[in-house]
Every structure is written in structure tokens, then in C-alpha cells.
Amino acid sequence: KKNQNGIINFTMMGAIGDIRINQTATTEEIKEALDFF
């Protein structure tokens, strides 16, 4: 529900407490993250 215009929306972190909202990733980056998982 947090997506806009069909783009997957992530919350990421720059450091503990350093919140970066409205981040995006390519399909390849998402698959890399799933590989890491």
C-alpha cells in the first residue's frame, strides 16, 4: 500500500536512527537482496 505509481517503495537506513524513506531499488537489486537472504 505504500507504493506510488507502481514503484516499489522501501524504507532504508543510513545508520542506526538515520531513516531514509521513499527509497527504490531495481529488479536486479531486489533479486541480489533475495540472494543475500
Full PDB file with SEQRES, HELIX, SHEET, SSBOND, CRYST1, ORIGX, SCALE, CONECT and MASTER records, all heavy atoms in Angstrom:
SEQRES   1 A   37  LYS LYS ASN GLN ASN GLY ILE ILE ASN PHE THR MET MET          
SEQRES   2 A   37  GLY ALA ILE GLY ASP ILE ARG ILE ASN GLN THR ALA THR          
SEQRES   3 A   37  THR GLU GLU ILE LYS GLU ALA LEU ASP PHE PHE                  
HELIX    1 AA1 THR A   27  PHE A   36  1                                  10    
SHEET    1 AA1 2 PHE A  10  ALA A  15  0                                        
SHEET    2 AA1 2 ASP A  18  GLN A  23 -1                                        
CRYST1    1.000    1.000    1.000  90.00  90.00  90.00 P 1           1          
ORIGX1      1.000000  0.000000  0.000000        0.00000                         
ORIGX2      0.000000  1.000000  0.000000        0.00000                         
ORIGX3      0.000000  0.000000  1.000000        0.00000                         
SCALE1      1.000000  0.000000  0.000000        0.00000                         
SCALE2      0.000000  1.000000  0.000000        0.00000                         
SCALE3      0.000000  0.000000  1.000000        0.00000                         
ATOM      1  N   LYS A   1       0.819  -1.231   0.000  1.00  0.00           N  
ATOM      2  CA  LYS A   1       0.000   0.000   0.000  1.00  0.00           C  
ATOM      3  C   LYS A   1       0.844   1.269   0.000  1.00  0.00           C  
ATOM      4  O   LYS A   1       0.344   2.348  -0.281  1.00  0.00           O  
ATOM      5  CB  LYS A   1      -0.936  -0.009   1.229  1.00  0.00           C  
ATOM      6  CG  LYS A   1      -2.000  -1.102   1.155  1.00  0.00           C  
ATOM      7  CD  LYS A   1      -2.867  -1.137   2.390  1.00  0.00           C  
ATOM      8  CE  LYS A   1      -2.184  -1.676   3.611  1.00  0.00           C  
ATOM      9  NZ  LYS A   1      -1.687  -3.051   3.487  1.00  0.00           N  
ATOM     10  N   LYS A   2       2.144   1.152   0.331  1.00  0.00           N  
ATOM     11  CA  LYS A   2       2.982   2.357   0.395  1.00  0.00           C  
ATOM     12  C   LYS A   2       3.601   2.709  -0.953  1.00  0.00           C  
ATOM     13  O   LYS A   2       4.305   3.693  -1.084  1.00  0.00           O  
ATOM     14  CB  LYS A   2       4.064   2.167   1.460  1.00  0.00           C  
ATOM     15  CG  LYS A   2       3.453   2.038   2.851  1.00  0.00           C  
ATOM     16  CD  LYS A   2       4.427   1.469   3.851  1.00  0.00           C  
ATOM     17  CE  LYS A   2       3.712   1.046   5.113  1.00  0.00           C  
ATOM     18  NZ  LYS A   2       2.873  -0.156   4.954  1.00  0.00           N  
ATOM     19  N   ASN A   3       3.357   1.874  -1.963  1.00  0.00           N  
ATOM     20  CA  ASN A   3       3.896   2.155  -3.294  1.00  0.00           C  
ATOM     21  C   ASN A   3       3.158   3.314  -3.955  1.00  0.00           C  
ATOM     22  O   ASN A   3       1.997   3.590  -3.645  1.00  0.00           O  
ATOM     23  CB  ASN A   3       3.768   0.923  -4.194  1.00  0.00           C  
ATOM     24  CG  ASN A   3       4.618  -0.236  -3.704  1.00  0.00           C  
ATOM     25  OD1 ASN A   3       5.576  -0.044  -2.970  1.00  0.00           O  
ATOM     26  ND2 ASN A   3       4.256  -1.444  -4.100  1.00  0.00           N  
ATOM     27  N   GLN A   4       3.853   3.964  -4.862  1.00  0.00           N  
ATOM     28  CA  GLN A   4       3.226   5.002  -5.679  1.00  0.00           C  
ATOM     29  C   GLN A   4       3.635   4.794  -7.131  1.00  0.00           C  
ATOM     30  O   GLN A   4       4.795   4.482  -7.417  1.00  0.00           O  
ATOM     31  CB  GLN A   4       3.657   6.405  -5.224  1.00  0.00           C  
ATOM     32  CG  GLN A   4       3.035   6.812  -3.887  1.00  0.00           C  
ATOM     33  CD  GLN A   4       3.420   8.233  -3.520  1.00  0.00           C  
ATOM     34  OE1 GLN A   4       4.578   8.610  -3.622  1.00  0.00           O  
ATOM     35  NE2 GLN A   4       2.455   9.015  -3.103  1.00  0.00           N  
ATOM     36  N   ASN A   5       2.663   4.959  -8.044  1.00  0.00           N  
ATOM     37  CA  ASN A   5       2.911   4.841  -9.490  1.00  0.00           C  
ATOM     38  C   ASN A   5       3.563   3.507  -9.869  1.00  0.00           C  
ATOM     39  O   ASN A   5       4.392   3.449 -10.783  1.00  0.00           O  
ATOM     40  CB  ASN A   5       3.789   6.008  -9.976  1.00  0.00           C  
ATOM     41  CG  ASN A   5       3.177   7.354  -9.627  1.00  0.00           C  
ATOM     42  OD1 ASN A   5       1.961   7.527  -9.732  1.00  0.00           O  
ATOM     43  ND2 ASN A   5       4.006   8.292  -9.201  1.00  0.00           N  
ATOM     44  N   GLY A   6       3.214   2.461  -9.121  1.00  0.00           N  
ATOM     45  CA  GLY A   6       3.727   1.133  -9.456  1.00  0.00           C  
ATOM     46  C   GLY A   6       5.180   0.901  -9.080  1.00  0.00           C  
ATOM     47  O   GLY A   6       5.757  -0.128  -9.433  1.00  0.00           O  
ATOM     48  N   ILE A   7       5.797   1.848  -8.369  1.00  0.00           N  
ATOM     49  CA  ILE A   7       7.209   1.710  -7.972  1.00  0.00           C  
ATOM     50  C   ILE A   7       7.267   1.184  -6.544  1.00  0.00           C  
ATOM     51  O   ILE A   7       6.626   1.731  -5.644  1.00  0.00           O  
ATOM     52  CB  ILE A   7       7.937   3.068  -8.063  1.00  0.00           C  
ATOM     53  CG1 ILE A   7       7.940   3.552  -9.516  1.00  0.00           C  
ATOM     54  CG2 ILE A   7       9.353   2.954  -7.520  1.00  0.00           C  
ATOM     55  CD1 ILE A   7       8.335   5.002  -9.676  1.00  0.00           C  
ATOM     56  N   ILE A   8       8.026   0.097  -6.343  1.00  0.00           N  
ATOM     57  CA  ILE A   8       8.139  -0.485  -5.004  1.00  0.00           C  
ATOM     58  C   ILE A   8       8.899   0.482  -4.100  1.00  0.00           C  
ATOM     59  O   ILE A   8       9.985   0.961  -4.436  1.00  0.00           O  
ATOM     60  CB  ILE A   8       8.833  -1.856  -5.051  1.00  0.00           C  
ATOM     61  CG1 ILE A   8       8.024  -2.829  -5.910  1.00  0.00           C  
ATOM     62  CG2 ILE A   8       9.006  -2.420  -3.649  1.00  0.00           C  
ATOM     63  CD1 ILE A   8       8.723  -4.144  -6.197  1.00  0.00           C  
ATOM     64  N   ASN A   9       8.320   0.761  -2.941  1.00  0.00           N  
ATOM     65  CA  ASN A   9       8.849   1.755  -2.011  1.00  0.00           C  
ATOM     66  C   ASN A   9       9.466   1.064  -0.799  1.00  0.00           C  
ATOM     67  O   ASN A   9       8.809   0.246  -0.154  1.00  0.00           O  
ATOM     68  CB  ASN A   9       7.690   2.681  -1.582  1.00  0.00           C  
ATOM     69  CG  ASN A   9       8.168   3.908  -0.846  1.00  0.00           C  
ATOM     70  OD1 ASN A   9       8.849   3.802   0.164  1.00  0.00           O  
ATOM     71  ND2 ASN A   9       7.787   5.072  -1.336  1.00  0.00           N  
ATOM     72  N   PHE A  10      10.712   1.414  -0.497  1.00  0.00           N  
ATOM     73  CA  PHE A  10      11.401   0.829   0.655  1.00  0.00           C  
ATOM     74  C   PHE A  10      11.746   1.900   1.674  1.00  0.00           C  
ATOM     75  O   PHE A  10      11.986   3.060   1.324  1.00  0.00           O  
ATOM     76  CB  PHE A  10      12.721   0.173   0.224  1.00  0.00           C  
ATOM     77  CG  PHE A  10      12.554  -1.004  -0.683  1.00  0.00           C  
ATOM     78  CD1 PHE A  10      12.631  -0.854  -2.063  1.00  0.00           C  
ATOM     79  CD2 PHE A  10      12.334  -2.268  -0.165  1.00  0.00           C  
ATOM     80  CE1 PHE A  10      12.479  -1.940  -2.908  1.00  0.00           C  
ATOM     81  CE2 PHE A  10      12.190  -3.366  -1.006  1.00  0.00           C  
ATOM     82  CZ  PHE A  10      12.258  -3.203  -2.372  1.00  0.00           C  
ATOM     83  N   THR A  11      11.795   1.482   2.942  1.00  0.00           N  
ATOM     84  CA  THR A  11      12.459   2.284   3.962  1.00  0.00           C  
ATOM     85  C   THR A  11      13.840   1.669   4.163  1.00  0.00           C  
ATOM     86  O   THR A  11      13.959   0.461   4.380  1.00  0.00           O  
ATOM     87  CB  THR A  11      11.669   2.271   5.279  1.00  0.00           C  
ATOM     88  OG1 THR A  11      10.429   2.953   5.070  1.00  0.00           O  
ATOM     89  CG2 THR A  11      12.439   2.958   6.392  1.00  0.00           C  
ATOM     90  N   MET A  12      14.874   2.483   4.057  1.00  0.00           N  
ATOM     91  CA  MET A  12      16.248   2.011   4.273  1.00  0.00           C  
ATOM     92  C   MET A  12      16.883   2.818   5.394  1.00  0.00           C  
ATOM     93  O   MET A  12      16.286   3.770   5.903  1.00  0.00           O  
ATOM     94  CB  MET A  12      17.060   2.101   2.974  1.00  0.00           C  
ATOM     95  CG  MET A  12      16.512   1.209   1.859  1.00  0.00           C  
ATOM     96  SD  MET A  12      17.531   1.264   0.353  1.00  0.00           S  
ATOM     97  CE  MET A  12      16.397   0.552  -0.834  1.00  0.00           C  
ATOM     98  N   MET A  13      18.073   2.440   5.780  1.00  0.00           N  
ATOM     99  CA  MET A  13      18.773   3.100   6.879  1.00  0.00           C  
ATOM    100  C   MET A  13      20.161   3.541   6.431  1.00  0.00           C  
ATOM    101  O   MET A  13      20.873   2.790   5.760  1.00  0.00           O  
ATOM    102  CB  MET A  13      18.919   2.133   8.065  1.00  0.00           C  
ATOM    103  CG  MET A  13      17.616   1.513   8.570  1.00  0.00           C  
ATOM    104  SD  MET A  13      16.435   2.730   9.192  1.00  0.00           S  
ATOM    105  CE  MET A  13      17.360   3.444  10.539  1.00  0.00           C  
ATOM    106  N   GLY A  14      20.546   4.791   6.819  1.00  0.00           N  
ATOM    107  CA  GLY A  14      21.915   5.243   6.587  1.00  0.00           C  
ATOM    108  C   GLY A  14      22.817   4.829   7.737  1.00  0.00           C  
ATOM    109  O   GLY A  14      24.006   4.604   7.575  1.00  0.00           O  
ATOM    110  N   ALA A  15      22.217   4.719   8.928  1.00  0.00           N  
ATOM    111  CA  ALA A  15      22.882   4.281  10.153  1.00  0.00           C  
ATOM    112  C   ALA A  15      21.768   3.993  11.147  1.00  0.00           C  
ATOM    113  O   ALA A  15      20.591   4.218  10.840  1.00  0.00           O  
ATOM    114  CB  ALA A  15      23.826   5.374  10.679  1.00  0.00           C  
ATOM    115  N   ILE A  16      22.114   3.505  12.335  1.00  0.00           N  
ATOM    116  CA  ILE A  16      21.080   3.332  13.356  1.00  0.00           C  
ATOM    117  C   ILE A  16      20.442   4.706  13.611  1.00  0.00           C  
ATOM    118  O   ILE A  16      21.143   5.682  13.894  1.00  0.00           O  
ATOM    119  CB  ILE A  16      21.675   2.803  14.683  1.00  0.00           C  
ATOM    120  CG1 ILE A  16      22.444   1.505  14.471  1.00  0.00           C  
ATOM    121  CG2 ILE A  16      20.562   2.646  15.733  1.00  0.00           C  
ATOM    122  CD1 ILE A  16      21.642   0.279  14.207  1.00  0.00           C  
ATOM    123  N   GLY A  17      19.138   4.794  13.477  1.00  0.00           N  
ATOM    124  CA  GLY A  17      18.425   6.053  13.710  1.00  0.00           C  
ATOM    125  C   GLY A  17      18.405   7.003  12.529  1.00  0.00           C  
ATOM    126  O   GLY A  17      17.712   8.019  12.562  1.00  0.00           O  
ATOM    127  N   ASP A  18      19.158   6.700  11.480  1.00  0.00           N  
ATOM    128  CA  ASP A  18      19.194   7.563  10.281  1.00  0.00           C  
ATOM    129  C   ASP A  18      18.270   6.960   9.230  1.00  0.00           C  
ATOM    130  O   ASP A  18      18.660   6.096   8.445  1.00  0.00           O  
ATOM    131  CB  ASP A  18      20.632   7.667   9.766  1.00  0.00           C  
ATOM    132  CG  ASP A  18      20.739   8.514   8.491  1.00  0.00           C  
ATOM    133  OD1 ASP A  18      19.738   9.153   8.110  1.00  0.00           O  
ATOM    134  OD2 ASP A  18      21.824   8.518   7.876  1.00  0.00           O  
ATOM    135  N   ILE A  19      17.013   7.410   9.250  1.00  0.00           N  
ATOM    136  CA  ILE A  19      15.945   6.784   8.454  1.00  0.00           C  
ATOM    137  C   ILE A  19      15.887   7.408   7.066  1.00  0.00           C  
ATOM    138  O   ILE A  19      15.871   8.634   6.928  1.00  0.00           O  
ATOM    139  CB  ILE A  19      14.589   6.977   9.177  1.00  0.00           C  
ATOM    140  CG1 ILE A  19      14.643   6.384  10.588  1.00  0.00           C  
ATOM    141  CG2 ILE A  19      13.452   6.365   8.379  1.00  0.00           C  
ATOM    142  CD1 ILE A  19      13.652   7.003  11.556  1.00  0.00           C  
ATOM    143  N   ARG A  20      15.825   6.572   6.046  1.00  0.00           N  
ATOM    144  CA  ARG A  20      15.714   7.046   4.660  1.00  0.00           C  
ATOM    145  C   ARG A  20      14.434   6.469   4.049  1.00  0.00           C  
ATOM    146  O   ARG A  20      14.414   5.300   3.633  1.00  0.00           O  
ATOM    147  CB  ARG A  20      16.924   6.581   3.844  1.00  0.00           C  
ATOM    148  CG  ARG A  20      18.281   6.888   4.477  1.00  0.00           C  
ATOM    149  CD  ARG A  20      18.617   8.362   4.465  1.00  0.00           C  
ATOM    150  NE  ARG A  20      19.929   8.608   5.052  1.00  0.00           N  
ATOM    151  CZ  ARG A  20      21.083   8.602   4.358  1.00  0.00           C  
ATOM    152  NH1 ARG A  20      21.058   8.370   3.046  1.00  0.00           N  
ATOM    153  NH2 ARG A  20      22.231   8.827   4.965  1.00  0.00           N  
ATOM    154  N   ILE A  21      13.377   7.257   4.044  1.00  0.00           N  
ATOM    155  CA  ILE A  21      12.107   6.779   3.487  1.00  0.00           C  
ATOM    156  C   ILE A  21      12.076   6.995   1.972  1.00  0.00           C  
ATOM    157  O   ILE A  21      12.928   7.694   1.410  1.00  0.00           O  
ATOM    158  CB  ILE A  21      10.889   7.472   4.159  1.00  0.00           C  
ATOM    159  CG1 ILE A  21      10.892   8.978   3.902  1.00  0.00           C  
ATOM    160  CG2 ILE A  21      10.841   7.168   5.643  1.00  0.00           C  
ATOM    161  CD1 ILE A  21       9.607   9.692   4.311  1.00  0.00           C  
ATOM    162  N   ASN A  22      11.098   6.386   1.319  1.00  0.00           N  
ATOM    163  CA  ASN A  22      10.851   6.555  -0.123  1.00  0.00           C  
ATOM    164  C   ASN A  22      12.065   6.187  -0.976  1.00  0.00           C  
ATOM    165  O   ASN A  22      12.412   6.879  -1.924  1.00  0.00           O  
ATOM    166  CB  ASN A  22      10.418   7.998  -0.438  1.00  0.00           C  
ATOM    167  CG  ASN A  22       9.128   8.372   0.273  1.00  0.00           C  
ATOM    168  OD1 ASN A  22       8.274   7.513   0.490  1.00  0.00           O  
ATOM    169  ND2 ASN A  22       8.991   9.630   0.637  1.00  0.00           N  
ATOM    170  N   GLN A  23      12.699   5.066  -0.628  1.00  0.00           N  
ATOM    171  CA  GLN A  23      13.823   4.562  -1.413  1.00  0.00           C  
ATOM    172  C   GLN A  23      13.320   3.541  -2.432  1.00  0.00           C  
ATOM    173  O   GLN A  23      12.304   2.886  -2.224  1.00  0.00           O  
ATOM    174  CB  GLN A  23      14.857   3.904  -0.493  1.00  0.00           C  
ATOM    175  CG  GLN A  23      15.417   4.823   0.573  1.00  0.00           C  
ATOM    176  CD  GLN A  23      16.204   5.987  -0.018  1.00  0.00           C  
ATOM    177  OE1 GLN A  23      17.113   5.785  -0.818  1.00  0.00           O  
ATOM    178  NE2 GLN A  23      15.862   7.200   0.388  1.00  0.00           N  
ATOM    179  N   THR A  24      14.043   3.433  -3.529  1.00  0.00           N  
ATOM    180  CA  THR A  24      13.661   2.462  -4.560  1.00  0.00           C  
ATOM    181  C   THR A  24      14.847   1.551  -4.867  1.00  0.00           C  
ATOM    182  O   THR A  24      15.985   1.847  -4.489  1.00  0.00           O  
ATOM    183  CB  THR A  24      13.212   3.168  -5.855  1.00  0.00           C  
ATOM    184  OG1 THR A  24      14.305   3.971  -6.343  1.00  0.00           O  
ATOM    185  CG2 THR A  24      12.000   4.052  -5.606  1.00  0.00           C  
ATOM    186  N   ALA A  25      14.546   0.454  -5.547  1.00  0.00           N  
ATOM    187  CA  ALA A  25      15.596  -0.471  -5.964  1.00  0.00           C  
ATOM    188  C   ALA A  25      15.171  -1.102  -7.286  1.00  0.00           C  
ATOM    189  O   ALA A  25      13.978  -1.280  -7.544  1.00  0.00           O  
ATOM    190  CB  ALA A  25      15.803  -1.559  -4.903  1.00  0.00           C  
ATOM    191  N   THR A  26      16.142  -1.436  -8.100  1.00  0.00           N  
ATOM    192  CA  THR A  26      15.833  -2.088  -9.375  1.00  0.00           C  
ATOM    193  C   THR A  26      15.463  -3.555  -9.116  1.00  0.00           C  
ATOM    194  O   THR A  26      15.758  -4.110  -8.048  1.00  0.00           O  
ATOM    195  CB  THR A  26      17.039  -2.049 -10.323  1.00  0.00           C  
ATOM    196  OG1 THR A  26      18.096  -2.842  -9.738  1.00  0.00           O  
ATOM    197  CG2 THR A  26      17.522  -0.625 -10.539  1.00  0.00           C  
ATOM    198  N   THR A  27      14.880  -4.182 -10.121  1.00  0.00           N  
ATOM    199  CA  THR A  27      14.553  -5.610 -10.005  1.00  0.00           C  
ATOM    200  C   THR A  27      15.813  -6.417  -9.730  1.00  0.00           C  
ATOM    201  O   THR A  27      15.803  -7.348  -8.907  1.00  0.00           O  
ATOM    202  CB  THR A  27      13.872  -6.111 -11.302  1.00  0.00           C  
ATOM    203  OG1 THR A  27      12.669  -5.366 -11.489  1.00  0.00           O  
ATOM    204  CG2 THR A  27      13.550  -7.597 -11.223  1.00  0.00           C  
ATOM    205  N   GLU A  28      16.924  -6.048 -10.389  1.00  0.00           N  
ATOM    206  CA  GLU A  28      18.180  -6.775 -10.174  1.00  0.00           C  
ATOM    207  C   GLU A  28      18.660  -6.618  -8.733  1.00  0.00           C  
ATOM    208  O   GLU A  28      19.148  -7.573  -8.116  1.00  0.00           O  
ATOM    209  CB  GLU A  28      19.259  -6.300 -11.150  1.00  0.00           C  
ATOM    210  CG  GLU A  28      19.118  -6.887 -12.547  1.00  0.00           C  
ATOM    211  CD  GLU A  28      18.915  -8.402 -12.527  1.00  0.00           C  
ATOM    212  OE1 GLU A  28      19.755  -9.105 -11.937  1.00  0.00           O  
ATOM    213  OE2 GLU A  28      17.909  -8.877 -13.085  1.00  0.00           O  
ATOM    214  N   GLU A  29      18.554  -5.401  -8.185  1.00  0.00           N  
ATOM    215  CA  GLU A  29      18.981  -5.170  -6.796  1.00  0.00           C  
ATOM    216  C   GLU A  29      18.104  -5.953  -5.819  1.00  0.00           C  
ATOM    217  O   GLU A  29      18.600  -6.495  -4.820  1.00  0.00           O  
ATOM    218  CB  GLU A  29      18.929  -3.672  -6.487  1.00  0.00           C  
ATOM    219  CG  GLU A  29      20.041  -2.885  -7.155  1.00  0.00           C  
ATOM    220  CD  GLU A  29      19.839  -1.372  -7.089  1.00  0.00           C  
ATOM    221  OE1 GLU A  29      18.676  -0.908  -6.986  1.00  0.00           O  
ATOM    222  OE2 GLU A  29      20.861  -0.644  -7.154  1.00  0.00           O  
ATOM    223  N   ILE A  30      16.813  -6.015  -6.103  1.00  0.00           N  
ATOM    224  CA  ILE A  30      15.906  -6.777  -5.240  1.00  0.00           C  
ATOM    225  C   ILE A  30      16.278  -8.263  -5.272  1.00  0.00           C  
ATOM    226  O   ILE A  30      16.320  -8.939  -4.236  1.00  0.00           O  
ATOM    227  CB  ILE A  30      14.431  -6.563  -5.670  1.00  0.00           C  
ATOM    228  CG1 ILE A  30      14.004  -5.119  -5.365  1.00  0.00           C  
ATOM    229  CG2 ILE A  30      13.502  -7.555  -4.967  1.00  0.00           C  
ATOM    230  CD1 ILE A  30      12.664  -4.716  -5.964  1.00  0.00           C  
ATOM    231  N   LYS A  31      16.607  -8.761  -6.455  1.00  0.00           N  
ATOM    232  CA  LYS A  31      16.994 -10.174  -6.572  1.00  0.00           C  
ATOM    233  C   LYS A  31      18.332 -10.440  -5.871  1.00  0.00           C  
ATOM    234  O   LYS A  31      18.519 -11.504  -5.260  1.00  0.00           O  
ATOM    235  CB  LYS A  31      17.053 -10.585  -8.050  1.00  0.00           C  
ATOM    236  CG  LYS A  31      15.658 -10.699  -8.672  1.00  0.00           C  
ATOM    237  CD  LYS A  31      15.699 -11.165 -10.121  1.00  0.00           C  
ATOM    238  CE  LYS A  31      14.275 -11.364 -10.643  1.00  0.00           C  
ATOM    239  NZ  LYS A  31      14.254 -11.818 -12.051  1.00  0.00           N  
ATOM    240  N   GLU A  32      19.240  -9.471  -5.943  1.00  0.00           N  
ATOM    241  CA  GLU A  32      20.514  -9.597  -5.201  1.00  0.00           C  
ATOM    242  C   GLU A  32      20.256  -9.687  -3.695  1.00  0.00           C  
ATOM    243  O   GLU A  32      20.893 -10.475  -2.989  1.00  0.00           O  
ATOM    244  CB  GLU A  32      21.397  -8.361  -5.459  1.00  0.00           C  
ATOM    245  CG  GLU A  32      22.297  -8.457  -6.651  1.00  0.00           C  
ATOM    246  CD  GLU A  32      23.122  -7.164  -6.806  1.00  0.00           C  
ATOM    247  OE1 GLU A  32      23.505  -6.581  -5.778  1.00  0.00           O  
ATOM    248  OE2 GLU A  32      23.333  -6.755  -7.957  1.00  0.00           O  
ATOM    249  N   ALA A  33      19.330  -8.845  -3.225  1.00  0.00           N  
ATOM    250  CA  ALA A  33      18.995  -8.853  -1.799  1.00  0.00           C  
ATOM    251  C   ALA A  33      18.368 -10.188  -1.398  1.00  0.00           C  
ATOM    252  O   ALA A  33      18.620 -10.703  -0.299  1.00  0.00           O  
ATOM    253  CB  ALA A  33      18.048  -7.693  -1.476  1.00  0.00           C  
ATOM    254  N   LEU A  34      17.563 -10.768  -2.290  1.00  0.00           N  
ATOM    255  CA  LEU A  34      16.976 -12.077  -2.032  1.00  0.00           C  
ATOM    256  C   LEU A  34      18.064 -13.173  -2.055  1.00  0.00           C  
ATOM    257  O   LEU A  34      18.014 -14.132  -1.257  1.00  0.00           O  
ATOM    258  CB  LEU A  34      15.872 -12.389  -3.044  1.00  0.00           C  
ATOM    259  CG  LEU A  34      14.576 -11.584  -2.845  1.00  0.00           C  
ATOM    260  CD1 LEU A  34      13.666 -11.712  -4.065  1.00  0.00           C  
ATOM    261  CD2 LEU A  34      13.849 -12.014  -1.580  1.00  0.00           C  
ATOM    262  N   ASP A  35      19.049 -13.018  -2.936  1.00  0.00           N  
ATOM    263  CA  ASP A  35      20.207 -13.945  -2.929  1.00  0.00           C  
ATOM    264  C   ASP A  35      20.891 -13.889  -1.567  1.00  0.00           C  
ATOM    265  O   ASP A  35      21.249 -14.929  -0.980  1.00  0.00           O  
ATOM    266  CB  ASP A  35      21.216 -13.570  -4.019  1.00  0.00           C  
ATOM    267  CG  ASP A  35      20.768 -13.951  -5.418  1.00  0.00           C  
ATOM    268  OD1 ASP A  35      19.875 -14.802  -5.555  1.00  0.00           O  
ATOM    269  OD2 ASP A  35      21.312 -13.363  -6.389  1.00  0.00           O  
ATOM    270  N   PHE A  36      21.109 -12.653  -1.079  1.00  0.00           N  
ATOM    271  CA  PHE A  36      21.777 -12.494   0.223  1.00  0.00           C  
ATOM    272  C   PHE A  36      20.937 -13.135   1.332  1.00  0.00           C  
ATOM    273  O   PHE A  36      21.483 -13.785   2.238  1.00  0.00           O  
ATOM    274  CB  PHE A  36      22.006 -11.011   0.525  1.00  0.00           C  
ATOM    275  CG  PHE A  36      22.594 -10.758   1.880  1.00  0.00           C  
ATOM    276  CD1 PHE A  36      23.942 -10.969   2.114  1.00  0.00           C  
ATOM    277  CD2 PHE A  36      21.799 -10.364   2.949  1.00  0.00           C  
ATOM    278  CE1 PHE A  36      24.489 -10.773   3.366  1.00  0.00           C  
ATOM    279  CE2 PHE A  36      22.333 -10.159   4.210  1.00  0.00           C  
ATOM    280  CZ  PHE A  36      23.688 -10.361   4.423  1.00  0.00           C  
ATOM    281  N   PHE A  37      19.628 -12.948   1.272  1.00  0.00           N  
ATOM    282  CA  PHE A  37      18.733 -13.537   2.277  1.00  0.00           C  
ATOM    283  C   PHE A  37      18.907 -15.055   2.309  1.00  0.00           C  
ATOM    284  O   PHE A  37      18.945 -15.661   3.382  1.00  0.00           O  
ATOM    285  CB  PHE A  37      17.270 -13.186   1.965  1.00  0.00           C  
ATOM    286  CG  PHE A  37      16.281 -13.883   2.859  1.00  0.00           C  
ATOM    287  CD1 PHE A  37      16.107 -13.462   4.173  1.00  0.00           C  
ATOM    288  CD2 PHE A  37      15.551 -14.967   2.408  1.00  0.00           C  
ATOM    289  CE1 PHE A  37      15.216 -14.109   5.013  1.00  0.00           C  
ATOM    290  CE2 PHE A  37      14.643 -15.619   3.245  1.00  0.00           C  
ATOM    291  CZ  PHE A  37      14.474 -15.180   4.556  1.00  0.00           C  
TER     292      PHE A  37                                                      
MASTER        0    0    0    1    2    0    0    6  291    1    0    3          
END                                                                             
